[in-house]
Amino acid sequence: MLLVSSGGVRVKLKVIPNAPRDEIVGWRGDALTVKVAAPPVEGKANRALIKFLAEVLGVRPAEVSILQGETSRSKSVHIAGISAAQARQRLKQLTG
């Protein structure tokens, strides 16, 4: 579920590290499942997640921040510089 947040959107994620490749899997309940190839060691998976989300949503990596769940697979992220409608459209293209 995408929530409108100050200057952007807030998204709940379920992140799966050590995947074969970075990819958006789809929505499970109110959380978007995202796989990243990086391991969950020393923040590598978080950095890969931020870079991947920025690329997919067409924003700069500096506009993606983890609000909750730094050390958890369940995360809440804020993406600045994009509307909820734009985010929905871009994610829909990837998830079908």
N, C-alpha and C. Protein backbone atom coordinates (compact mmCIF):
# COMPACT_ATOMS: atom_id res chain seq x y z
N MET A 1 0.84 -1.17 0.00
CA MET A 1 0.00 0.00 0.00
C MET A 1 0.89 1.24 0.00
N LEU A 2 0.55 2.17 -0.84
CA LEU A 2 1.27 3.44 -0.92
C LEU A 2 0.51 4.47 -0.11
N LEU A 3 1.21 5.16 0.76
CA LEU A 3 0.61 6.22 1.54
C LEU A 3 1.23 7.55 1.15
N VAL A 4 0.41 8.56 0.99
CA VAL A 4 0.92 9.88 0.69
C VAL A 4 1.63 10.39 1.94
N SER A 5 2.83 10.89 1.74
CA SER A 5 3.64 11.40 2.84
C SER A 5 4.19 12.75 2.41
N SER A 6 4.73 13.49 3.33
CA SER A 6 5.21 14.83 3.00
C SER A 6 6.24 14.80 1.87
N GLY A 7 5.87 15.37 0.73
CA GLY A 7 6.78 15.46 -0.41
C GLY A 7 7.02 14.17 -1.15
N GLY A 8 6.20 13.15 -0.92
CA GLY A 8 6.42 11.88 -1.61
C GLY A 8 5.45 10.82 -1.14
N VAL A 9 5.94 9.58 -1.08
CA VAL A 9 5.11 8.45 -0.67
C VAL A 9 5.85 7.59 0.35
N ARG A 10 5.06 6.87 1.12
CA ARG A 10 5.60 5.92 2.09
C ARG A 10 5.12 4.54 1.68
N VAL A 11 6.03 3.56 1.70
CA VAL A 11 5.71 2.21 1.24
C VAL A 11 6.20 1.20 2.27
N LYS A 12 5.35 0.22 2.58
CA LYS A 12 5.77 -0.90 3.40
C LYS A 12 6.38 -1.94 2.48
N LEU A 13 7.51 -2.51 2.90
CA LEU A 13 8.21 -3.50 2.08
C LEU A 13 8.49 -4.77 2.86
N LYS A 14 8.56 -5.86 2.15
CA LYS A 14 9.16 -7.09 2.65
C LYS A 14 10.35 -7.33 1.74
N VAL A 15 11.53 -7.31 2.30
CA VAL A 15 12.75 -7.41 1.51
C VAL A 15 13.37 -8.79 1.68
N ILE A 16 13.73 -9.39 0.55
CA ILE A 16 14.37 -10.71 0.55
C ILE A 16 15.78 -10.53 0.00
N PRO A 17 16.79 -10.60 0.88
CA PRO A 17 18.19 -10.46 0.43
C PRO A 17 18.71 -11.77 -0.15
N ASN A 18 19.91 -11.71 -0.73
CA ASN A 18 20.59 -12.88 -1.31
C ASN A 18 19.81 -13.52 -2.46
N ALA A 19 19.04 -12.74 -3.17
CA ALA A 19 18.28 -13.24 -4.31
C ALA A 19 19.19 -13.34 -5.53
N PRO A 20 18.78 -14.10 -6.54
CA PRO A 20 19.60 -14.19 -7.75
C PRO A 20 19.76 -12.84 -8.46
N ARG A 21 18.71 -11.98 -8.35
CA ARG A 21 18.78 -10.66 -8.98
C ARG A 21 17.84 -9.71 -8.24
N ASP A 22 18.01 -8.43 -8.46
CA ASP A 22 17.11 -7.42 -7.90
C ASP A 22 15.81 -7.45 -8.69
N GLU A 23 14.68 -7.52 -7.98
CA GLU A 23 13.40 -7.51 -8.68
C GLU A 23 12.25 -7.17 -7.73
N ILE A 24 11.20 -6.61 -8.31
CA ILE A 24 9.95 -6.38 -7.61
C ILE A 24 9.11 -7.63 -7.81
N VAL A 25 8.71 -8.28 -6.73
CA VAL A 25 7.93 -9.51 -6.83
C VAL A 25 6.44 -9.19 -6.95
N GLY A 26 5.98 -8.27 -6.13
CA GLY A 26 4.56 -7.91 -6.15
C GLY A 26 4.06 -7.62 -4.75
N TRP A 27 2.77 -7.36 -4.67
CA TRP A 27 2.14 -7.01 -3.40
C TRP A 27 1.68 -8.26 -2.68
N ARG A 28 1.98 -8.32 -1.40
CA ARG A 28 1.45 -9.36 -0.51
C ARG A 28 0.80 -8.62 0.64
N GLY A 29 -0.51 -8.59 0.62
CA GLY A 29 -1.22 -7.79 1.62
C GLY A 29 -0.93 -6.32 1.36
N ASP A 30 -0.49 -5.63 2.38
CA ASP A 30 -0.20 -4.20 2.23
C ASP A 30 1.29 -3.91 2.04
N ALA A 31 2.10 -4.96 1.84
CA ALA A 31 3.54 -4.78 1.67
C ALA A 31 3.99 -5.20 0.28
N LEU A 32 4.89 -4.43 -0.27
CA LEU A 32 5.50 -4.74 -1.56
C LEU A 32 6.72 -5.63 -1.31
N THR A 33 6.76 -6.79 -1.96
CA THR A 33 7.89 -7.70 -1.81
C THR A 33 8.95 -7.35 -2.85
N VAL A 34 10.18 -7.14 -2.35
CA VAL A 34 11.30 -6.78 -3.21
C VAL A 34 12.47 -7.71 -2.90
N LYS A 35 13.05 -8.27 -3.95
CA LYS A 35 14.24 -9.10 -3.79
C LYS A 35 15.47 -8.28 -4.19
N VAL A 36 16.54 -8.43 -3.41
CA VAL A 36 17.81 -7.80 -3.76
C VAL A 36 18.90 -8.86 -3.72
N ALA A 37 19.86 -8.73 -4.61
CA ALA A 37 20.94 -9.71 -4.71
C ALA A 37 21.96 -9.58 -3.58
N ALA A 38 22.05 -8.43 -2.99
CA ALA A 38 23.06 -8.19 -1.95
C ALA A 38 22.73 -8.95 -0.66
N PRO A 39 23.77 -9.34 0.06
CA PRO A 39 23.56 -10.03 1.34
C PRO A 39 23.21 -9.02 2.44
N PRO A 40 22.54 -9.50 3.50
CA PRO A 40 22.18 -8.61 4.61
C PRO A 40 23.34 -8.43 5.59
N VAL A 41 24.46 -7.98 5.09
CA VAL A 41 25.67 -7.83 5.89
C VAL A 41 26.17 -6.39 5.77
N GLU A 42 26.41 -5.75 6.90
CA GLU A 42 26.99 -4.41 6.94
C GLU A 42 26.22 -3.40 6.09
N GLY A 43 24.89 -3.54 6.03
CA GLY A 43 24.07 -2.57 5.31
C GLY A 43 24.06 -2.72 3.79
N LYS A 44 24.68 -3.77 3.27
CA LYS A 44 24.75 -3.95 1.81
C LYS A 44 23.36 -4.12 1.20
N ALA A 45 22.50 -4.90 1.83
CA ALA A 45 21.15 -5.11 1.28
C ALA A 45 20.35 -3.81 1.31
N ASN A 46 20.49 -3.02 2.37
CA ASN A 46 19.78 -1.74 2.45
C ASN A 46 20.25 -0.78 1.35
N ARG A 47 21.55 -0.71 1.14
CA ARG A 47 22.07 0.16 0.09
C ARG A 47 21.60 -0.29 -1.30
N ALA A 48 21.60 -1.61 -1.52
CA ALA A 48 21.12 -2.15 -2.80
C ALA A 48 19.63 -1.86 -2.97
N LEU A 49 18.87 -1.98 -1.90
CA LEU A 49 17.43 -1.69 -1.95
C LEU A 49 17.18 -0.24 -2.33
N ILE A 50 17.88 0.67 -1.69
CA ILE A 50 17.71 2.10 -1.98
C ILE A 50 18.05 2.39 -3.43
N LYS A 51 19.17 1.87 -3.90
CA LYS A 51 19.58 2.10 -5.29
C LYS A 51 18.56 1.52 -6.27
N PHE A 52 18.09 0.31 -6.00
CA PHE A 52 17.13 -0.35 -6.89
C PHE A 52 15.79 0.38 -6.92
N LEU A 53 15.27 0.74 -5.76
CA LEU A 53 14.00 1.46 -5.72
C LEU A 53 14.10 2.80 -6.45
N ALA A 54 15.21 3.50 -6.26
CA ALA A 54 15.41 4.78 -6.94
C ALA A 54 15.39 4.59 -8.45
N GLU A 55 16.06 3.57 -8.92
CA GLU A 55 16.12 3.28 -10.36
C GLU A 55 14.74 2.94 -10.90
N VAL A 56 14.02 2.07 -10.21
CA VAL A 56 12.70 1.62 -10.65
C VAL A 56 11.69 2.77 -10.65
N LEU A 57 11.77 3.64 -9.65
CA LEU A 57 10.79 4.72 -9.51
C LEU A 57 11.22 6.02 -10.17
N GLY A 58 12.42 6.07 -10.71
CA GLY A 58 12.87 7.25 -11.43
C GLY A 58 13.19 8.44 -10.55
N VAL A 59 13.75 8.15 -9.37
CA VAL A 59 14.18 9.23 -8.47
C VAL A 59 15.66 9.01 -8.14
N ARG A 60 16.25 9.99 -7.48
CA ARG A 60 17.65 9.85 -7.07
C ARG A 60 17.73 8.98 -5.81
N PRO A 61 18.80 8.23 -5.63
CA PRO A 61 18.94 7.43 -4.42
C PRO A 61 18.83 8.26 -3.13
N ALA A 62 19.24 9.51 -3.18
CA ALA A 62 19.14 10.37 -2.00
C ALA A 62 17.69 10.65 -1.61
N GLU A 63 16.76 10.38 -2.52
CA GLU A 63 15.35 10.62 -2.25
C GLU A 63 14.64 9.40 -1.65
N VAL A 64 15.37 8.32 -1.47
CA VAL A 64 14.82 7.11 -0.87
C VAL A 64 15.44 6.93 0.50
N SER A 65 14.61 6.83 1.53
CA SER A 65 15.15 6.64 2.88
C SER A 65 14.36 5.58 3.62
N ILE A 66 15.07 4.81 4.43
CA ILE A 66 14.44 3.77 5.24
C ILE A 66 13.99 4.42 6.54
N LEU A 67 12.68 4.36 6.79
CA LEU A 67 12.11 4.97 8.00
C LEU A 67 12.11 4.00 9.17
N GLN A 68 11.79 2.74 8.88
CA GLN A 68 11.73 1.71 9.92
C GLN A 68 12.25 0.41 9.35
N GLY A 69 12.89 -0.40 10.21
CA GLY A 69 13.30 -1.73 9.80
C GLY A 69 14.69 -1.84 9.23
N GLU A 70 15.60 -0.99 9.67
CA GLU A 70 16.99 -1.05 9.17
C GLU A 70 17.56 -2.46 9.22
N THR A 71 17.26 -3.20 10.28
CA THR A 71 17.84 -4.55 10.44
C THR A 71 16.80 -5.65 10.28
N SER A 72 15.67 -5.32 9.71
CA SER A 72 14.57 -6.27 9.55
C SER A 72 14.24 -6.45 8.07
N ARG A 73 13.60 -7.55 7.76
CA ARG A 73 13.14 -7.74 6.37
C ARG A 73 11.88 -6.91 6.11
N SER A 74 11.15 -6.59 7.17
CA SER A 74 9.97 -5.72 7.05
C SER A 74 10.44 -4.29 7.23
N LYS A 75 10.20 -3.47 6.24
CA LYS A 75 10.69 -2.10 6.25
C LYS A 75 9.59 -1.13 5.85
N SER A 76 9.80 0.10 6.21
CA SER A 76 8.97 1.20 5.75
C SER A 76 9.92 2.22 5.14
N VAL A 77 9.67 2.60 3.89
CA VAL A 77 10.55 3.55 3.22
C VAL A 77 9.77 4.77 2.77
N HIS A 78 10.46 5.88 2.70
CA HIS A 78 9.90 7.13 2.17
C HIS A 78 10.61 7.43 0.86
N ILE A 79 9.82 7.74 -0.16
CA ILE A 79 10.37 8.10 -1.45
C ILE A 79 9.91 9.52 -1.76
N ALA A 80 10.83 10.43 -1.80
CA ALA A 80 10.53 11.83 -2.07
C ALA A 80 10.55 12.08 -3.58
N GLY A 81 9.90 13.16 -3.98
CA GLY A 81 9.97 13.57 -5.38
C GLY A 81 9.09 12.78 -6.32
N ILE A 82 8.11 12.06 -5.79
CA ILE A 82 7.21 11.28 -6.63
C ILE A 82 5.82 11.28 -5.98
N SER A 83 4.80 11.31 -6.81
CA SER A 83 3.44 11.26 -6.27
C SER A 83 3.01 9.81 -6.12
N ALA A 84 1.96 9.59 -5.37
CA ALA A 84 1.44 8.24 -5.20
C ALA A 84 0.97 7.68 -6.55
N ALA A 85 0.36 8.53 -7.37
CA ALA A 85 -0.11 8.08 -8.69
C ALA A 85 1.05 7.65 -9.57
N GLN A 86 2.14 8.42 -9.57
CA GLN A 86 3.32 8.06 -10.36
C GLN A 86 3.92 6.75 -9.86
N ALA A 87 4.04 6.61 -8.55
CA ALA A 87 4.60 5.40 -7.98
C ALA A 87 3.75 4.19 -8.32
N ARG A 88 2.42 4.31 -8.19
CA ARG A 88 1.51 3.21 -8.52
C ARG A 88 1.68 2.79 -9.98
N GLN A 89 1.75 3.78 -10.87
CA GLN A 89 1.88 3.49 -12.30
C GLN A 89 3.19 2.74 -12.59
N ARG A 90 4.28 3.21 -12.04
CA ARG A 90 5.59 2.57 -12.30
C ARG A 90 5.63 1.16 -11.70
N LEU A 91 5.08 0.99 -10.52
CA LEU A 91 5.08 -0.33 -9.90
C LEU A 91 4.13 -1.29 -10.62
N LYS A 92 3.01 -0.77 -11.10
CA LYS A 92 2.06 -1.60 -11.83
C LYS A 92 2.70 -2.16 -13.10
N GLN A 93 3.54 -1.37 -13.76
CA GLN A 93 4.23 -1.83 -14.96
C GLN A 93 5.13 -3.02 -14.65
N LEU A 94 5.67 -3.06 -13.43
CA LEU A 94 6.59 -4.12 -13.06
C LEU A 94 5.88 -5.34 -12.47
N THR A 95 4.74 -5.12 -11.84
CA THR A 95 4.06 -6.22 -11.16
C THR A 95 2.89 -6.77 -11.93
N GLY A 96 2.50 -6.09 -13.00
CA GLY A 96 1.42 -6.58 -13.83
C GLY A 96 0.06 -6.22 -13.41
